[in-house]
Each structure stands twice: as structure tokens, then as C-alpha cells.
Amino acid sequence: MISYEYPLSERVRTLLRFEDLYERVEYFLAKSDAEEHHSALVSIFEILEVASRADLKSDLLQELERQKHTLESLRDNPDISEAALDDILWKIDQASSRLFQTSGKVGQELRENDWLMSIKQRTSIPGGVCEFDLPSYHFWLQQNSDQRRHDLSQWLAPFQSIREAIVIVLRLLRESGKNTTLIAHQGVYQQMMAGRVAQMLRIRLSRNYQCVPEISANKYALNIRFTSHEGGQRPKPVETDVEFDLTFCNL
């Protein structure tokens, strides 16, 4: 199965982008080649941009607190595992504490590093980090992989508290909905929202279908159109029925 997630709010869109970038950094950070560590650094710069949203930290703190109160109310529910509940509440407390202790603007240490910012500025220019443009960066890339990995880990560290909070919020969001199996007749599915509130849609379909969903949604209606992509040509509407799972996620 392939899963597609479609955010219905700017806040969720930001969280998903942060998650995607952080996972990319972790992937390249675990490698050893200089080119892979360059990709890790470029992704850290992208994280810095995403995390610069002024209300991200306060939004996460408020959401964690709200989820804590919601989960605490389930304490006497016989269908809820006490151990699982205690575990997620402990994780929320830990994440909230670390996030609260993060002073100032997230990633400010990187913004005050003139050398890193000079590299960041050049990465927006095609081929802008060639050795003749940034000889000091070229020198850093020639250091042993352990040294580069240590430096990258240090530069990534300021975003760890944000990362921990986002992992929890997205986990709760993804687990909040219930899958429904539906059919897109001739590749098209439409549904009136009828007052349904959702922050994210999740669509899962078999890898056997050679198509992808194109989603448009607002508070009134949901429209999903499946299109095929063959040989890099312009997408074409699917004319066969497509079975898929749909989940409305909302905290």
C-alpha cells in the first residue's frame, strides 16, 4: 500500500514539511560521503526556514497541553490501556518540558553563525557552493566523515525539541481517524463534508494501481481524482474504478 497525506490547515502543512526534512537529514547524516553530508546540511537549512515560523513553538506547546487534558480524561475508560496511556502522557510531559526550556527563536544559534549563513546564501544559487566560491566549505567537506557528522549533529541539535513535539502531535493526528474503504468510480470520488471537521486526509491504495490521487478539499466538499503517470507525460485521468482507503484525521 502507498499512503498519501493531504493537510487541510497551514499548521499541519508545516508539521509535515518539518517531519519530511528531518527524516531526510537523518538519512544523509548516517551516510559517510561528503556529497551526502552536503545534502544533510542543505536540509538543515530548509528546516531552519520552516522552524522560523513565529508561532510554531507556542502552537506546539498549546497542542501538547490540550492533548494531555484530553488523554487524562480517558484515565477510567476500561477500553484504554493504562500502561499505553501513561507512556504517551510521559512523552508529552517530556516534550513539553524540553520545548518550554528552548529559549529565543528556534535555530538562532545557526543564524548567528556567519560561516553557515554564507553557505546557506550560496545554496540558493545553482552551483553556488563550488570550491572556488566557498573554499572553506570545500575544506570542511574534505574532513573525515566522523568530524563532519559531529558538526552536523551539533547544528541539528537546536531543532530536537521541536522534532519531539511534532512526532507526538502527528502520531496522535494519524491515529485519530478510522479507515473507510471506498471506490472511485472511473477514477473520481466526491463527498460532501456536511459539517465534518478534519485537519488532514490520509489516502491508501494498492501499489498495483498505476495512479496517484489529486485532492482538493474545503469545508463544503472533498474531490479526489486519480490520474496516471506514464513515461513522464502529462497526467491522464484514470477511467477505471479505483479502490482506496480514506481517513479523516482530526485532533
Protein backbone atom coordinates (compact mmCIF):
# COMPACT_ATOMS: atom_id res chain seq x y z
CA MET A 1 0.00 0.00 0.00
CA ILE A 2 1.08 3.57 -0.70
CA SER A 3 -0.07 6.28 1.70
CA TYR A 4 -0.76 9.88 0.70
CA GLU A 5 -1.38 12.61 3.29
CA TYR A 6 -3.13 15.85 2.47
CA PRO A 7 -3.07 18.65 5.09
CA LEU A 8 -6.16 20.79 5.42
CA SER A 9 -4.55 23.53 7.53
CA GLU A 10 -1.38 25.57 7.31
CA ARG A 11 -0.25 24.30 10.71
CA VAL A 12 -0.41 20.64 9.69
CA ARG A 13 1.28 21.50 6.39
CA THR A 14 4.19 22.99 8.37
CA LEU A 15 4.45 19.93 10.64
CA LEU A 16 4.54 17.53 7.70
CA ARG A 17 7.22 19.56 5.95
CA PHE A 18 9.34 19.61 9.11
CA GLU A 19 8.93 15.85 9.54
CA ASP A 20 9.91 15.15 5.94
CA LEU A 21 13.01 17.36 6.15
CA TYR A 22 14.13 15.92 9.49
CA GLU A 23 13.85 12.36 8.20
CA ARG A 24 15.90 13.37 5.15
CA VAL A 25 18.62 14.86 7.36
CA GLU A 26 18.77 11.71 9.49
CA TYR A 27 19.11 9.58 6.36
CA PHE A 28 22.02 11.57 4.90
CA LEU A 29 23.62 12.11 8.30
CA ALA A 30 24.01 8.35 8.74
CA LYS A 31 26.00 8.16 5.48
CA SER A 32 29.69 8.87 5.05
CA ASP A 33 30.25 10.57 1.69
CA ALA A 34 30.86 14.31 1.50
CA GLU A 35 28.09 14.70 -1.09
CA GLU A 36 25.61 13.05 1.29
CA HIS A 37 26.67 15.31 4.15
CA HIS A 38 26.23 18.29 1.86
CA SER A 39 22.65 17.15 1.26
CA ALA A 40 22.18 16.84 5.03
CA LEU A 41 23.36 20.42 5.56
CA VAL A 42 21.10 21.77 2.82
CA SER A 43 18.15 20.03 4.50
CA ILE A 44 19.14 21.58 7.86
CA PHE A 45 18.96 24.99 6.17
CA GLU A 46 15.45 24.11 4.96
CA ILE A 47 14.47 23.05 8.48
CA LEU A 48 15.73 26.42 9.71
CA GLU A 49 13.35 28.16 7.31
CA VAL A 50 10.36 26.01 8.29
CA ALA A 51 11.09 26.36 12.03
CA SER A 52 11.34 30.14 11.74
CA ARG A 53 7.55 30.45 11.77
CA ALA A 54 6.96 32.71 14.75
CA ASP A 55 4.06 30.79 16.31
CA LEU A 56 5.34 27.23 15.75
CA LYS A 57 6.73 26.77 19.27
CA SER A 58 3.67 28.25 21.03
CA ASP A 59 1.30 26.26 18.80
CA LEU A 60 3.05 23.03 19.69
CA LEU A 61 3.04 23.81 23.43
CA GLN A 62 -0.68 24.59 23.33
CA GLU A 63 -1.48 21.45 21.33
CA LEU A 64 0.53 19.22 23.67
CA GLU A 65 -1.26 20.68 26.68
CA ARG A 66 -4.64 20.22 25.02
CA GLN A 67 -3.87 16.61 24.15
CA LYS A 68 -2.68 15.96 27.69
CA HIS A 69 -6.02 17.11 29.13
CA THR A 70 -7.94 15.08 26.54
CA LEU A 71 -5.96 11.92 27.30
CA GLU A 72 -6.21 12.41 31.07
CA SER A 73 -9.99 12.29 30.73
CA LEU A 74 -9.65 8.73 29.40
CA ARG A 75 -7.99 7.52 32.60
CA ASP A 76 -11.00 5.46 33.80
CA ASN A 77 -12.00 4.13 30.38
CA PRO A 78 -11.89 0.30 30.51
CA ASP A 79 -11.08 0.18 26.77
CA ILE A 80 -7.89 2.18 27.27
CA SER A 81 -4.63 0.55 28.35
CA GLU A 82 -3.32 2.28 31.47
CA ALA A 83 0.27 1.47 30.50
CA ALA A 84 -0.13 2.91 26.99
CA LEU A 85 -1.85 6.00 28.39
CA ASP A 86 0.88 6.58 30.97
CA ASP A 87 3.53 6.17 28.27
CA ILE A 88 2.08 8.79 25.92
CA LEU A 89 1.40 11.20 28.79
CA TRP A 90 5.00 10.85 29.95
CA LYS A 91 6.23 11.55 26.42
CA ILE A 92 4.01 14.64 26.22
CA ASP A 93 5.36 15.92 29.55
CA GLN A 94 8.96 15.36 28.43
CA ALA A 95 8.43 17.03 25.06
CA SER A 96 6.60 20.00 26.60
CA SER A 97 9.34 20.48 29.18
CA ARG A 98 12.15 20.44 26.61
CA LEU A 99 10.24 22.73 24.26
CA PHE A 100 9.46 25.19 27.06
CA GLN A 101 13.13 25.30 28.02
CA THR A 102 14.11 26.26 24.49
CA SER A 103 14.86 29.94 24.76
CA GLY A 104 14.63 32.50 21.98
CA LYS A 105 13.93 31.81 18.34
CA VAL A 106 14.40 28.19 17.32
CA GLY A 107 17.69 27.79 15.45
CA GLN A 108 19.02 31.20 16.44
CA GLU A 109 22.47 29.65 17.01
CA LEU A 110 22.67 28.82 13.33
CA ARG A 111 21.52 32.28 12.26
CA GLU A 112 24.33 33.80 14.29
CA ASN A 113 26.93 31.57 12.62
CA ASP A 114 28.26 33.76 9.80
CA TRP A 115 30.08 30.87 8.14
CA LEU A 116 26.94 28.72 7.94
CA MET A 117 24.83 31.63 6.74
CA SER A 118 27.32 32.34 3.96
CA ILE A 119 26.91 28.75 2.80
CA LYS A 120 23.12 28.96 3.12
CA GLN A 121 23.07 32.06 0.97
CA ARG A 122 25.12 30.38 -1.76
CA THR A 123 22.96 27.22 -1.81
CA SER A 124 20.14 29.24 -3.40
CA ILE A 125 22.39 29.85 -6.43
CA PRO A 126 22.73 26.99 -8.94
CA GLY A 127 26.25 25.64 -8.48
CA GLY A 128 26.86 28.32 -5.87
CA VAL A 129 28.83 26.11 -3.49
CA CYS A 130 31.62 25.16 -5.86
CA GLU A 131 35.06 25.04 -4.26
CA PHE A 132 36.15 28.30 -5.92
CA ASP A 133 33.11 30.07 -4.39
CA LEU A 134 33.46 28.63 -0.89
CA PRO A 135 36.96 27.23 -0.35
CA SER A 136 36.41 26.98 3.42
CA TYR A 137 33.33 24.84 2.85
CA HIS A 138 35.29 22.69 0.40
CA PHE A 139 37.91 22.25 3.13
CA TRP A 140 35.20 21.17 5.62
CA LEU A 141 33.83 18.62 3.15
CA GLN A 142 37.32 17.09 2.93
CA GLN A 143 37.45 16.37 6.67
CA ASN A 144 36.85 12.82 7.84
CA SER A 145 33.25 11.66 7.97
CA ASP A 146 33.16 11.43 11.79
CA GLN A 147 34.11 15.10 12.11
CA ARG A 148 31.50 16.17 9.58
CA ARG A 149 28.86 14.00 11.26
CA HIS A 150 29.70 15.53 14.65
CA ASP A 151 29.33 19.06 13.25
CA LEU A 152 26.05 18.25 11.51
CA SER A 153 24.66 16.72 14.70
CA GLN A 154 25.57 19.90 16.58
CA TRP A 155 23.82 22.07 14.02
CA LEU A 156 20.74 19.84 14.06
CA ALA A 157 20.52 19.72 17.87
CA PRO A 158 18.61 23.03 18.35
CA PHE A 159 15.64 21.54 16.47
CA GLN A 160 15.39 18.35 18.57
CA SER A 161 12.78 19.71 20.99
CA ILE A 162 10.60 20.79 18.06
CA ARG A 163 11.10 17.39 16.47
CA GLU A 164 9.98 15.50 19.59
CA ALA A 165 6.81 17.58 19.88
CA ILE A 166 5.96 17.18 16.20
CA VAL A 167 6.41 13.39 16.37
CA ILE A 168 3.83 13.22 19.18
CA VAL A 169 1.31 15.57 17.56
CA LEU A 170 1.46 13.83 14.17
CA ARG A 171 1.21 10.41 15.81
CA LEU A 172 -1.96 11.42 17.64
CA LEU A 173 -3.33 13.05 14.49
CA ARG A 174 -2.71 9.96 12.36
CA GLU A 175 -4.27 7.67 14.95
CA SER A 176 -7.34 9.86 15.40
CA GLY A 177 -9.27 8.66 12.36
CA LYS A 178 -10.86 5.46 11.17
CA ASN A 179 -10.18 3.95 7.74
CA THR A 180 -13.07 3.61 5.32
CA THR A 181 -12.72 1.59 2.11
CA LEU A 182 -14.24 3.42 -0.86
CA ILE A 183 -14.47 3.18 -4.64
CA ALA A 184 -13.57 5.99 -7.02
CA HIS A 185 -15.81 5.20 -9.99
CA GLN A 186 -13.92 5.84 -13.22
CA GLY A 187 -11.19 7.38 -11.11
CA VAL A 188 -13.34 10.06 -9.47
CA TYR A 189 -14.65 10.29 -5.90
CA GLN A 190 -16.70 13.15 -4.45
CA GLN A 191 -18.11 13.62 -0.96
CA MET A 192 -19.91 16.47 0.75
CA MET A 193 -18.26 17.39 4.04
CA ALA A 194 -21.63 18.03 5.73
CA GLY A 195 -20.03 19.74 8.72
CA ARG A 196 -17.24 17.18 9.09
CA VAL A 197 -14.10 18.77 10.51
CA ALA A 198 -10.69 17.40 9.57
CA GLN A 199 -7.12 18.65 9.72
CA MET A 200 -5.64 16.03 7.41
CA LEU A 201 -6.76 13.38 4.93
CA ARG A 202 -4.98 10.06 4.50
CA ILE A 203 -5.43 8.01 1.35
CA ARG A 204 -4.01 4.50 0.96
CA LEU A 205 -4.19 2.40 -2.17
CA SER A 206 -2.56 -0.72 -3.53
CA ARG A 207 0.74 -0.40 -5.37
CA ASN A 208 -0.92 -2.38 -8.15
CA TYR A 209 -2.78 0.75 -9.19
CA GLN A 210 -0.59 2.75 -11.54
CA CYS A 211 -2.10 6.07 -10.49
CA VAL A 212 -1.92 8.81 -7.88
CA PRO A 213 -4.66 10.86 -6.17
CA GLU A 214 -5.13 14.54 -6.88
CA ILE A 215 -7.02 16.04 -3.94
CA SER A 216 -8.98 19.25 -3.50
CA ALA A 217 -10.98 19.89 -0.35
CA ASN A 218 -12.64 22.66 1.60
CA LYS A 219 -15.24 22.85 4.35
CA TYR A 220 -18.01 22.05 1.86
CA ALA A 221 -16.74 19.20 -0.33
CA LEU A 222 -13.97 16.70 -0.99
CA ASN A 223 -12.92 15.83 -4.52
CA ILE A 224 -10.42 13.10 -5.40
CA ARG A 225 -9.35 12.40 -8.95
CA PHE A 226 -6.92 9.60 -9.76
CA THR A 227 -4.51 10.20 -12.61
CA SER A 228 -1.92 8.02 -14.31
CA HIS A 229 1.69 9.00 -14.96
CA GLU A 230 3.38 7.22 -17.82
CA GLY A 231 6.85 7.97 -19.09
CA GLY A 232 6.91 11.49 -17.68
CA GLN A 233 4.00 12.54 -19.87
CA ARG A 234 1.19 14.84 -18.79
CA PRO A 235 -1.07 13.13 -16.20
CA LYS A 236 -4.15 11.49 -17.67
CA PRO A 237 -7.44 10.82 -15.85
CA VAL A 238 -7.95 7.19 -14.84
CA GLU A 239 -11.02 5.68 -16.47
CA THR A 240 -11.25 2.54 -14.34
CA ASP A 241 -12.59 2.09 -10.81
CA VAL A 242 -10.05 2.56 -8.03
CA GLU A 243 -10.46 1.08 -4.55
CA PHE A 244 -8.80 3.07 -1.77
CA ASP A 245 -8.87 3.71 1.98
CA LEU A 246 -9.78 7.17 3.22
CA THR A 247 -9.18 8.52 6.73
CA PHE A 248 -10.30 11.87 8.12
CA CYS A 249 -7.80 12.87 10.82
CA ASN A 250 -8.59 15.49 13.43
CA LEU A 251 -7.25 16.31 16.89
